[in-house]
Amino acid sequence: MHLRLIKESDLETLREWKNTNKSAFFHKEEITAEQQKKWFSTYKSHDLDYMFMVVQGKPIGCIGIRCKGKEWDVYNVILGIPGYGKKGIMGEAIREVIENALILQFVPVTIKVLKGNEAINWYNKNGFTITKEFPDYFEMTYQVE
């Protein structure tokens, strides 16, 4: 497994993955190609905002992390090719993303996860605990060892 920053040629793949998994995200509407291009343009202009492709011979998923105020916010964690699930690849990837972010800035790492999202258990297994509850989602914080 290795990580690489996304590039423009990844946009359609990312859009497909996000649309396929939209029930797990706050944004529920289909994302158009034009909206994806606009997002990418904005993304590139932000400092301390990184979207990685998780590559296992080919791109199999993605993980985003951005510094918002005094914390890292993990976002758009998607296993794009389900056949690669339950192999530890995405877990290894998220830990690597977090470790590298903490080298840049040692602040809390959080993620917002909708209630009912099956990924809550996966986040627990990968070092996150629920630290806040809101009406429709949990905020989880990574526990640094």
N, C-alpha and C. Protein backbone atom coordinates (compact mmCIF):
# COMPACT_ATOMS: atom_id res chain seq x y z
N MET A 1 0.85 -1.18 0.00
CA MET A 1 0.00 0.00 0.00
C MET A 1 0.89 1.23 0.00
N HIS A 2 0.50 2.19 -0.79
CA HIS A 2 1.13 3.50 -0.68
C HIS A 2 0.08 4.58 -0.91
N LEU A 3 0.43 5.76 -0.47
CA LEU A 3 -0.45 6.92 -0.59
C LEU A 3 0.16 7.89 -1.58
N ARG A 4 -0.71 8.55 -2.32
CA ARG A 4 -0.25 9.66 -3.16
C ARG A 4 -1.34 10.72 -3.16
N LEU A 5 -0.90 11.95 -3.32
CA LEU A 5 -1.87 13.04 -3.41
C LEU A 5 -2.70 12.88 -4.68
N ILE A 6 -3.96 13.29 -4.60
CA ILE A 6 -4.81 13.20 -5.78
C ILE A 6 -4.32 14.17 -6.85
N LYS A 7 -4.71 13.86 -8.06
CA LYS A 7 -4.41 14.74 -9.19
C LYS A 7 -5.69 14.87 -10.01
N GLU A 8 -5.66 15.77 -10.95
CA GLU A 8 -6.87 16.06 -11.73
C GLU A 8 -7.42 14.81 -12.42
N SER A 9 -6.55 13.92 -12.85
CA SER A 9 -7.02 12.71 -13.53
C SER A 9 -7.78 11.75 -12.60
N ASP A 10 -7.74 12.00 -11.29
CA ASP A 10 -8.48 11.17 -10.33
C ASP A 10 -9.91 11.66 -10.10
N LEU A 11 -10.25 12.83 -10.60
CA LEU A 11 -11.52 13.45 -10.24
C LEU A 11 -12.74 12.60 -10.57
N GLU A 12 -12.76 11.97 -11.72
CA GLU A 12 -13.94 11.17 -12.08
C GLU A 12 -14.06 9.95 -11.17
N THR A 13 -12.95 9.31 -10.86
CA THR A 13 -12.97 8.17 -9.93
C THR A 13 -13.48 8.60 -8.57
N LEU A 14 -12.96 9.71 -8.05
CA LEU A 14 -13.41 10.22 -6.75
C LEU A 14 -14.90 10.55 -6.77
N ARG A 15 -15.36 11.15 -7.85
CA ARG A 15 -16.77 11.52 -7.97
C ARG A 15 -17.64 10.26 -7.96
N GLU A 16 -17.23 9.25 -8.71
CA GLU A 16 -17.98 7.99 -8.74
C GLU A 16 -18.04 7.35 -7.36
N TRP A 17 -16.91 7.30 -6.67
CA TRP A 17 -16.87 6.70 -5.33
C TRP A 17 -17.77 7.46 -4.36
N LYS A 18 -17.70 8.78 -4.41
CA LYS A 18 -18.51 9.59 -3.50
C LYS A 18 -20.00 9.41 -3.81
N ASN A 19 -20.38 9.42 -5.07
CA ASN A 19 -21.78 9.24 -5.43
C ASN A 19 -22.28 7.85 -5.05
N THR A 20 -21.45 6.83 -5.23
CA THR A 20 -21.84 5.47 -4.87
C THR A 20 -22.06 5.33 -3.37
N ASN A 21 -21.29 6.07 -2.57
CA ASN A 21 -21.34 5.96 -1.11
C ASN A 21 -22.01 7.15 -0.44
N LYS A 22 -22.82 7.91 -1.17
CA LYS A 22 -23.36 9.17 -0.65
C LYS A 22 -24.20 8.99 0.61
N SER A 23 -24.77 7.84 0.84
CA SER A 23 -25.59 7.64 2.05
C SER A 23 -24.74 7.76 3.32
N ALA A 24 -23.44 7.60 3.21
CA ALA A 24 -22.55 7.68 4.38
C ALA A 24 -22.05 9.10 4.64
N PHE A 25 -22.44 10.06 3.80
CA PHE A 25 -21.90 11.42 3.91
C PHE A 25 -22.99 12.45 4.15
N PHE A 26 -22.59 13.60 4.63
CA PHE A 26 -23.52 14.69 4.89
C PHE A 26 -24.14 15.20 3.59
N HIS A 27 -23.34 15.31 2.54
CA HIS A 27 -23.83 15.77 1.24
C HIS A 27 -24.46 14.58 0.52
N LYS A 28 -25.77 14.61 0.37
CA LYS A 28 -26.50 13.46 -0.18
C LYS A 28 -26.78 13.54 -1.67
N GLU A 29 -26.67 14.73 -2.27
CA GLU A 29 -27.01 14.88 -3.68
C GLU A 29 -25.89 14.33 -4.57
N GLU A 30 -26.28 13.93 -5.77
CA GLU A 30 -25.30 13.49 -6.76
C GLU A 30 -24.34 14.64 -7.05
N ILE A 31 -23.08 14.32 -7.16
CA ILE A 31 -22.08 15.32 -7.50
C ILE A 31 -21.84 15.25 -9.01
N THR A 32 -21.96 16.39 -9.67
CA THR A 32 -21.73 16.43 -11.11
C THR A 32 -20.23 16.59 -11.40
N ALA A 33 -19.85 16.33 -12.63
CA ALA A 33 -18.45 16.51 -13.03
C ALA A 33 -18.02 17.96 -12.83
N GLU A 34 -18.91 18.89 -13.14
CA GLU A 34 -18.60 20.32 -12.97
C GLU A 34 -18.40 20.67 -11.49
N GLN A 35 -19.25 20.14 -10.61
CA GLN A 35 -19.09 20.39 -9.17
C GLN A 35 -17.77 19.80 -8.67
N GLN A 36 -17.40 18.64 -9.19
CA GLN A 36 -16.15 18.00 -8.77
C GLN A 36 -14.95 18.86 -9.19
N LYS A 37 -14.99 19.40 -10.40
CA LYS A 37 -13.90 20.27 -10.86
C LYS A 37 -13.81 21.53 -10.01
N LYS A 38 -14.95 22.10 -9.67
CA LYS A 38 -14.97 23.30 -8.82
C LYS A 38 -14.39 22.98 -7.44
N TRP A 39 -14.78 21.83 -6.87
CA TRP A 39 -14.24 21.41 -5.58
C TRP A 39 -12.71 21.30 -5.66
N PHE A 40 -12.21 20.67 -6.72
CA PHE A 40 -10.77 20.46 -6.88
C PHE A 40 -10.03 21.79 -6.95
N SER A 41 -10.58 22.75 -7.66
CA SER A 41 -9.97 24.07 -7.76
C SER A 41 -9.88 24.73 -6.39
N THR A 42 -10.94 24.63 -5.61
CA THR A 42 -10.95 25.20 -4.26
C THR A 42 -9.98 24.44 -3.36
N TYR A 43 -10.03 23.12 -3.43
CA TYR A 43 -9.14 22.26 -2.64
C TYR A 43 -7.68 22.65 -2.84
N LYS A 44 -7.28 22.84 -4.10
CA LYS A 44 -5.88 23.17 -4.40
C LYS A 44 -5.44 24.50 -3.79
N SER A 45 -6.39 25.38 -3.52
CA SER A 45 -6.03 26.70 -2.99
C SER A 45 -5.88 26.71 -1.47
N HIS A 46 -6.22 25.62 -0.80
CA HIS A 46 -6.14 25.55 0.66
C HIS A 46 -4.80 25.00 1.13
N ASP A 47 -4.23 25.65 2.11
CA ASP A 47 -3.05 25.10 2.77
C ASP A 47 -3.50 24.04 3.76
N LEU A 48 -2.65 23.10 4.04
CA LEU A 48 -2.90 22.05 5.02
C LEU A 48 -4.21 21.31 4.76
N ASP A 49 -4.47 21.01 3.50
CA ASP A 49 -5.62 20.20 3.08
C ASP A 49 -5.08 19.18 2.08
N TYR A 50 -5.20 17.91 2.45
CA TYR A 50 -4.60 16.85 1.64
C TYR A 50 -5.62 15.76 1.36
N MET A 51 -5.76 15.40 0.12
CA MET A 51 -6.60 14.27 -0.27
C MET A 51 -5.68 13.24 -0.91
N PHE A 52 -5.67 12.06 -0.33
CA PHE A 52 -4.79 11.00 -0.79
C PHE A 52 -5.57 9.89 -1.47
N MET A 53 -4.97 9.34 -2.50
CA MET A 53 -5.44 8.08 -3.07
C MET A 53 -4.70 6.98 -2.33
N VAL A 54 -5.43 5.96 -1.94
CA VAL A 54 -4.84 4.77 -1.34
C VAL A 54 -4.63 3.79 -2.49
N VAL A 55 -3.38 3.41 -2.71
CA VAL A 55 -3.04 2.61 -3.89
C VAL A 55 -2.51 1.24 -3.45
N GLN A 56 -3.13 0.22 -4.00
CA GLN A 56 -2.70 -1.15 -3.80
C GLN A 56 -2.59 -1.76 -5.20
N GLY A 57 -1.53 -1.38 -5.91
CA GLY A 57 -1.42 -1.75 -7.32
C GLY A 57 -2.22 -0.81 -8.20
N LYS A 58 -3.38 -0.41 -7.73
CA LYS A 58 -4.25 0.56 -8.40
C LYS A 58 -4.97 1.33 -7.29
N PRO A 59 -5.54 2.49 -7.59
CA PRO A 59 -6.28 3.22 -6.56
C PRO A 59 -7.48 2.39 -6.08
N ILE A 60 -7.56 2.22 -4.75
CA ILE A 60 -8.66 1.44 -4.17
C ILE A 60 -9.51 2.26 -3.21
N GLY A 61 -9.03 3.44 -2.84
CA GLY A 61 -9.77 4.27 -1.90
C GLY A 61 -9.12 5.63 -1.78
N CYS A 62 -9.71 6.45 -0.89
CA CYS A 62 -9.17 7.78 -0.66
C CYS A 62 -9.39 8.19 0.78
N ILE A 63 -8.57 9.12 1.23
CA ILE A 63 -8.66 9.69 2.58
C ILE A 63 -8.25 11.15 2.50
N GLY A 64 -9.08 12.02 3.05
CA GLY A 64 -8.75 13.43 3.14
C GLY A 64 -8.46 13.83 4.56
N ILE A 65 -7.59 14.81 4.73
CA ILE A 65 -7.33 15.38 6.05
C ILE A 65 -6.99 16.85 5.84
N ARG A 66 -7.58 17.70 6.67
CA ARG A 66 -7.34 19.14 6.55
C ARG A 66 -7.27 19.74 7.95
N CYS A 67 -6.44 20.76 8.07
CA CYS A 67 -6.32 21.43 9.36
C CYS A 67 -7.37 22.55 9.40
N LYS A 68 -8.23 22.44 10.40
CA LYS A 68 -9.29 23.44 10.58
C LYS A 68 -9.12 24.02 11.98
N GLY A 69 -8.64 25.24 12.03
CA GLY A 69 -8.40 25.85 13.34
C GLY A 69 -7.31 25.13 14.08
N LYS A 70 -7.66 24.58 15.22
CA LYS A 70 -6.66 23.91 16.05
C LYS A 70 -6.88 22.41 16.08
N GLU A 71 -7.33 21.84 14.95
CA GLU A 71 -7.46 20.39 14.87
C GLU A 71 -7.40 19.94 13.41
N TRP A 72 -7.02 18.68 13.25
CA TRP A 72 -7.09 18.03 11.95
C TRP A 72 -8.47 17.44 11.80
N ASP A 73 -9.06 17.60 10.63
CA ASP A 73 -10.37 17.04 10.31
C ASP A 73 -10.18 16.00 9.22
N VAL A 74 -10.49 14.75 9.53
CA VAL A 74 -10.43 13.67 8.54
C VAL A 74 -11.75 13.70 7.78
N TYR A 75 -11.68 13.55 6.46
CA TYR A 75 -12.91 13.59 5.66
C TYR A 75 -12.79 12.70 4.43
N ASN A 76 -13.93 12.38 3.84
CA ASN A 76 -14.00 11.59 2.60
C ASN A 76 -13.14 10.33 2.65
N VAL A 77 -13.32 9.55 3.70
CA VAL A 77 -12.67 8.25 3.77
C VAL A 77 -13.57 7.28 3.01
N ILE A 78 -13.07 6.79 1.89
CA ILE A 78 -13.89 5.93 1.03
C ILE A 78 -13.07 4.73 0.56
N LEU A 79 -13.60 3.54 0.81
CA LEU A 79 -13.07 2.35 0.17
C LEU A 79 -13.81 2.25 -1.16
N GLY A 80 -13.14 2.61 -2.23
CA GLY A 80 -13.79 2.69 -3.54
C GLY A 80 -14.01 1.35 -4.20
N ILE A 81 -13.17 0.38 -3.87
CA ILE A 81 -13.29 -0.95 -4.46
C ILE A 81 -13.52 -1.94 -3.31
N PRO A 82 -14.78 -2.31 -3.08
CA PRO A 82 -15.13 -3.12 -1.90
C PRO A 82 -14.34 -4.41 -1.74
N GLY A 83 -13.90 -5.03 -2.82
CA GLY A 83 -13.14 -6.27 -2.72
C GLY A 83 -11.84 -6.14 -1.94
N TYR A 84 -11.42 -4.91 -1.67
CA TYR A 84 -10.19 -4.67 -0.91
C TYR A 84 -10.48 -4.43 0.57
N GLY A 85 -11.74 -4.55 0.97
CA GLY A 85 -12.10 -4.36 2.38
C GLY A 85 -11.66 -5.53 3.24
N LYS A 86 -11.57 -5.27 4.54
CA LYS A 86 -11.24 -6.28 5.55
C LYS A 86 -9.86 -6.91 5.34
N LYS A 87 -8.96 -6.15 4.75
CA LYS A 87 -7.59 -6.62 4.55
C LYS A 87 -6.59 -5.76 5.33
N GLY A 88 -7.08 -4.73 6.02
CA GLY A 88 -6.20 -3.86 6.79
C GLY A 88 -5.56 -2.74 6.00
N ILE A 89 -5.85 -2.67 4.71
CA ILE A 89 -5.20 -1.67 3.86
C ILE A 89 -5.64 -0.26 4.23
N MET A 90 -6.94 -0.05 4.34
CA MET A 90 -7.43 1.30 4.68
C MET A 90 -7.03 1.69 6.10
N GLY A 91 -6.99 0.73 7.02
CA GLY A 91 -6.54 1.02 8.38
C GLY A 91 -5.10 1.49 8.41
N GLU A 92 -4.25 0.78 7.67
CA GLU A 92 -2.84 1.18 7.55
C GLU A 92 -2.76 2.57 6.94
N ALA A 93 -3.58 2.82 5.93
CA ALA A 93 -3.54 4.12 5.24
C ALA A 93 -3.97 5.25 6.17
N ILE A 94 -5.06 5.08 6.92
CA ILE A 94 -5.51 6.18 7.76
C ILE A 94 -4.50 6.47 8.88
N ARG A 95 -3.88 5.43 9.40
CA ARG A 95 -2.85 5.67 10.44
C ARG A 95 -1.66 6.43 9.86
N GLU A 96 -1.26 6.09 8.64
CA GLU A 96 -0.14 6.79 8.00
C GLU A 96 -0.50 8.26 7.72
N VAL A 97 -1.71 8.50 7.24
CA VAL A 97 -2.16 9.87 6.99
C VAL A 97 -2.12 10.67 8.30
N ILE A 98 -2.64 10.10 9.36
CA ILE A 98 -2.69 10.80 10.65
C ILE A 98 -1.28 11.04 11.19
N GLU A 99 -0.44 10.02 11.15
CA GLU A 99 0.94 10.18 11.65
C GLU A 99 1.65 11.32 10.94
N ASN A 100 1.51 11.39 9.63
CA ASN A 100 2.16 12.46 8.87
C ASN A 100 1.56 13.83 9.19
N ALA A 101 0.26 13.90 9.37
CA ALA A 101 -0.37 15.17 9.73
C ALA A 101 0.13 15.65 11.09
N LEU A 102 0.26 14.73 12.03
CA LEU A 102 0.70 15.11 13.38
C LEU A 102 2.15 15.59 13.39
N ILE A 103 2.95 15.14 12.44
CA ILE A 103 4.32 15.66 12.31
C ILE A 103 4.26 17.13 11.90
N LEU A 104 3.34 17.45 10.98
CA LEU A 104 3.20 18.84 10.53
C LEU A 104 2.67 19.75 11.63
N GLN A 105 1.67 19.25 12.34
CA GLN A 105 1.05 20.04 13.41
C GLN A 105 0.44 19.08 14.41
N PHE A 106 0.95 19.10 15.64
CA PHE A 106 0.48 18.18 16.67
C PHE A 106 -0.72 18.78 17.38
N VAL A 107 -1.89 18.52 16.82
CA VAL A 107 -3.17 18.98 17.37
C VAL A 107 -4.14 17.80 17.29
N PRO A 108 -5.29 17.86 17.97
CA PRO A 108 -6.24 16.75 17.90
C PRO A 108 -6.67 16.43 16.48
N VAL A 109 -7.01 15.15 16.26
CA VAL A 109 -7.49 14.67 14.96
C VAL A 109 -8.92 14.19 15.17
N THR A 110 -9.86 14.76 14.42
CA THR A 110 -11.26 14.41 14.59
C THR A 110 -11.89 14.01 13.26
N ILE A 111 -13.03 13.38 13.37
CA ILE A 111 -13.85 13.05 12.20
C ILE A 111 -15.30 13.12 12.63
N LYS A 112 -16.15 13.54 11.72
CA LYS A 112 -17.59 13.56 11.96
C LYS A 112 -18.20 12.40 11.17
N VAL A 113 -18.97 11.56 11.88
CA VAL A 113 -19.53 10.36 11.28
C VAL A 113 -21.04 10.33 11.55
N LEU A 114 -21.82 10.19 10.49
CA LEU A 114 -23.27 10.13 10.65
C LEU A 114 -23.67 8.94 11.51
N LYS A 115 -24.66 9.14 12.36
CA LYS A 115 -25.20 8.03 13.16
C LYS A 115 -25.73 6.98 12.20
N GLY A 116 -25.53 5.75 12.52
CA GLY A 116 -25.98 4.66 11.66
C GLY A 116 -24.96 4.25 10.60
N ASN A 117 -23.88 5.01 10.46
CA ASN A 117 -22.84 4.66 9.50
C ASN A 117 -22.06 3.46 10.06
N GLU A 118 -22.01 2.40 9.29
CA GLU A 118 -21.30 1.19 9.73
C GLU A 118 -19.82 1.44 9.98
N ALA A 119 -19.28 2.51 9.44
CA ALA A 119 -17.85 2.81 9.61
C ALA A 119 -17.50 3.20 11.04
N ILE A 120 -18.47 3.50 11.88
CA ILE A 120 -18.16 3.88 13.27
C ILE A 120 -17.31 2.80 13.93
N ASN A 121 -17.68 1.55 13.75
CA ASN A 121 -16.90 0.45 14.36
C ASN A 121 -15.49 0.40 13.78
N TRP A 122 -15.36 0.65 12.48
CA TRP A 122 -14.04 0.66 11.86
C TRP A 122 -13.18 1.78 12.44
N TYR A 123 -13.77 2.96 12.62
CA TYR A 123 -13.01 4.06 13.23
C TYR A 123 -12.58 3.71 14.64
N ASN A 124 -13.46 3.06 15.42
CA ASN A 124 -13.09 2.62 16.77
C ASN A 124 -11.88 1.69 16.72
N LYS A 125 -11.89 0.73 15.80
CA LYS A 125 -10.78 -0.22 15.66
C LYS A 125 -9.49 0.47 15.26
N ASN A 126 -9.61 1.64 14.65
CA ASN A 126 -8.43 2.35 14.15
C ASN A 126 -8.07 3.57 14.99
N GLY A 127 -8.44 3.55 16.27
CA GLY A 127 -7.93 4.54 17.21
C GLY A 127 -8.83 5.72 17.52
N PHE A 128 -10.04 5.76 16.99
CA PHE A 128 -10.96 6.87 17.27
C PHE A 128 -11.97 6.48 18.34
N THR A 129 -12.35 7.44 19.16
CA THR A 129 -13.44 7.23 20.11
C THR A 129 -14.44 8.37 19.97
N ILE A 130 -15.69 8.06 20.28
CA ILE A 130 -16.72 9.09 20.22
C ILE A 130 -16.49 10.07 21.36
N THR A 131 -16.38 11.34 21.03
CA THR A 131 -16.13 12.37 22.05
C THR A 131 -17.27 13.38 22.15
N LYS A 132 -18.09 13.48 21.12
CA LYS A 132 -19.25 14.38 21.15
C LYS A 132 -20.38 13.74 20.37
N GLU A 133 -21.61 14.01 20.82
CA GLU A 133 -22.77 13.51 20.11
C GLU A 133 -23.66 14.68 19.72
N PHE A 134 -24.11 14.64 18.49
CA PHE A 134 -25.01 15.65 17.96
C PHE A 134 -26.27 14.91 17.47
N PRO A 135 -27.34 15.63 17.14
CA PRO A 135 -28.57 14.94 16.76
C PRO A 135 -28.41 13.89 15.65
N ASP A 136 -27.59 14.18 14.62
CA ASP A 136 -27.49 13.22 13.53
C ASP A 136 -26.08 12.66 13.28
N TYR A 137 -25.12 13.05 14.11
CA TYR A 137 -23.77 12.52 13.90
C TYR A 137 -22.98 12.52 15.20
N PHE A 138 -21.87 11.79 15.15
CA PHE A 138 -20.90 11.76 16.24
C PHE A 138 -19.63 12.47 15.78
N GLU A 139 -18.97 13.12 16.72
CA GLU A 139 -17.60 13.56 16.47
C GLU A 139 -16.72 12.56 17.19
N MET A 140 -15.75 12.04 16.46
CA MET A 140 -14.82 11.07 17.02
C MET A 140 -13.42 11.68 17.01
N THR A 141 -12.65 11.36 18.02
CA THR A 141 -11.30 11.91 18.15
C THR A 141 -10.30 10.75 18.18
N TYR A 142 -9.22 10.93 17.45
CA TYR A 142 -8.16 9.94 17.40
C TYR A 142 -7.38 9.98 18.70
N GLN A 143 -7.16 8.81 19.26
CA GLN A 143 -6.41 8.70 20.51
C GLN A 143 -4.94 8.42 20.19
N VAL A 144 -4.12 9.42 20.38
CA VAL A 144 -2.69 9.29 20.10
C VAL A 144 -2.08 8.37 21.15
N GLU A 145 -1.30 7.40 20.67
CA GLU A 145 -0.66 6.45 21.59
C GLU A 145 0.58 7.02 22.21
